Amino acid sequence: MSEKVIPPVKPYFPSEDIEQILAETEKILRSGILTLGTYTNSFETEYAKACKVRHAVAVNSGTSALEIALRSIGLEKGDEVLVPTNTFTATVASVFFAGGRPVLTDVDPDSLCMNVENLKKCVTPETKGVIVVHIGGLVCPEIREIQRICRDLSLFLIEDAAHAQGSTIDGLSAGSFGDAGCFSFYPTKVMTTGEGGMITTNDDAIAEKGRILRDQGKKSFSSNIIVELGYNWRMNEISAAIGLVQLRRLPQIIRKRNEIGGQYNASLNCGGIKPLKIPSNIVSNYYKYITFLDSDVDRDEFKQELRKNGVRCGGEVYWPPCHLQPVYQRLLGTKEGDFPDAENAAKRMVCLPMYAQMREQDVNYVVEKIENFFSERE
């Protein structure tokens, strides 16, 4: 095993940011207000500004954001919601938990996202809405057309933007296209609050109901009147303070990650592996640096060889896709072969190390070990 280790991901906290977070944490602890206070309000205000939407509602996870958004939109029992199979379980499970029925779709193999063709094939009279997933930091390339179709068919549109903090298409932010956008701030994400999530929306009613649902269904934070069946989905003040610091750092983080992505793009010239292409009108935050191996390359062997040399690849987004997960095979009756484009792409996917602190020599080292792997196969 190599002494040099390049992890798949690292959170980015420069020393000055750590000092600021510690100072803000002390203020919070001394104030005695530990949840839904001024820091949460400020984080919501700043996040809404960053996404150029009217409202942002802070919650305790991206999973919570999805269920709250679905319930706030008014999903009813049995309503069908189209969801790409190439997503994390939370996207599909949230539809079940909100009372609806997820209907899985295939994905575009070039973007790993739902596209217009996927959507049109699956719409039925029972379809009430669509959840589009932005994968690996890439805003769904056909989001504007999907937005138009949903409007024409009177379907709601939710963006699962868990991967896409700060990502844009045509200069417009992820989280600003749907009736609601749902973000995650899990530790692996481009910006983090430790644990946490955010709902973005331009709809006053969705925002109001979202704030009620996240706080046990109370009419207001200071009220004991319960008007909805809610949960404890609140974001605490320390998480919000971390989020504010990370949000201000986000443009720099995205610039750094794009520099690393550009270096990978320029250096990965060997046969057998190809990067996912980012369209010129999209700025990805490079949550993942996604590549695809040729069909004759054994992914496990490839990753194992890199690991021997200290290069640890991130988890795929996603393998297995949801329709091959045992729980959804049981609940939805799906099976292998149902969504061939998602299966083929996900089987060949490898996510190379990507984090803001990577140095040029780190990227060169990863590329060198990849080149060595393929040269030894010749």
Foldseek 3Di string as FASTA:
>chain_A
DAPAAFAQFAADAPPVNVVQLVVVVVVCVVVVAWFPDDLQVVLFVVLCVLQVADTKHKWFFLLLQQLLLCVLVPDAAAQEEEEELLADVSNQVSCVVNRYHYDYWFPDLLQRWRAPVRVVVPDDPRHAAYETERPQQADDPHLVVVLVVCVVVVHFYEYACQAHRNKDFLPHGQQERTQKYKYWQDRLHLHHLVGIMMIGHNDPSSRLSSQCQCCQQANHPPGPDHDDRHDVGTDISSSSSSSVSRSVCNVVFLVLQVVLLVLLQVLQPDPFKAWRDHDPRIRGSSSWGKMFGPPVDQPVVLQVQVVVNNWHWDQFSDPPGNLPDVVCCVVVVHDPPPHVSSRRSRNGMITGRTGSPDDSVNSVSSSVSNVVVVVVVD
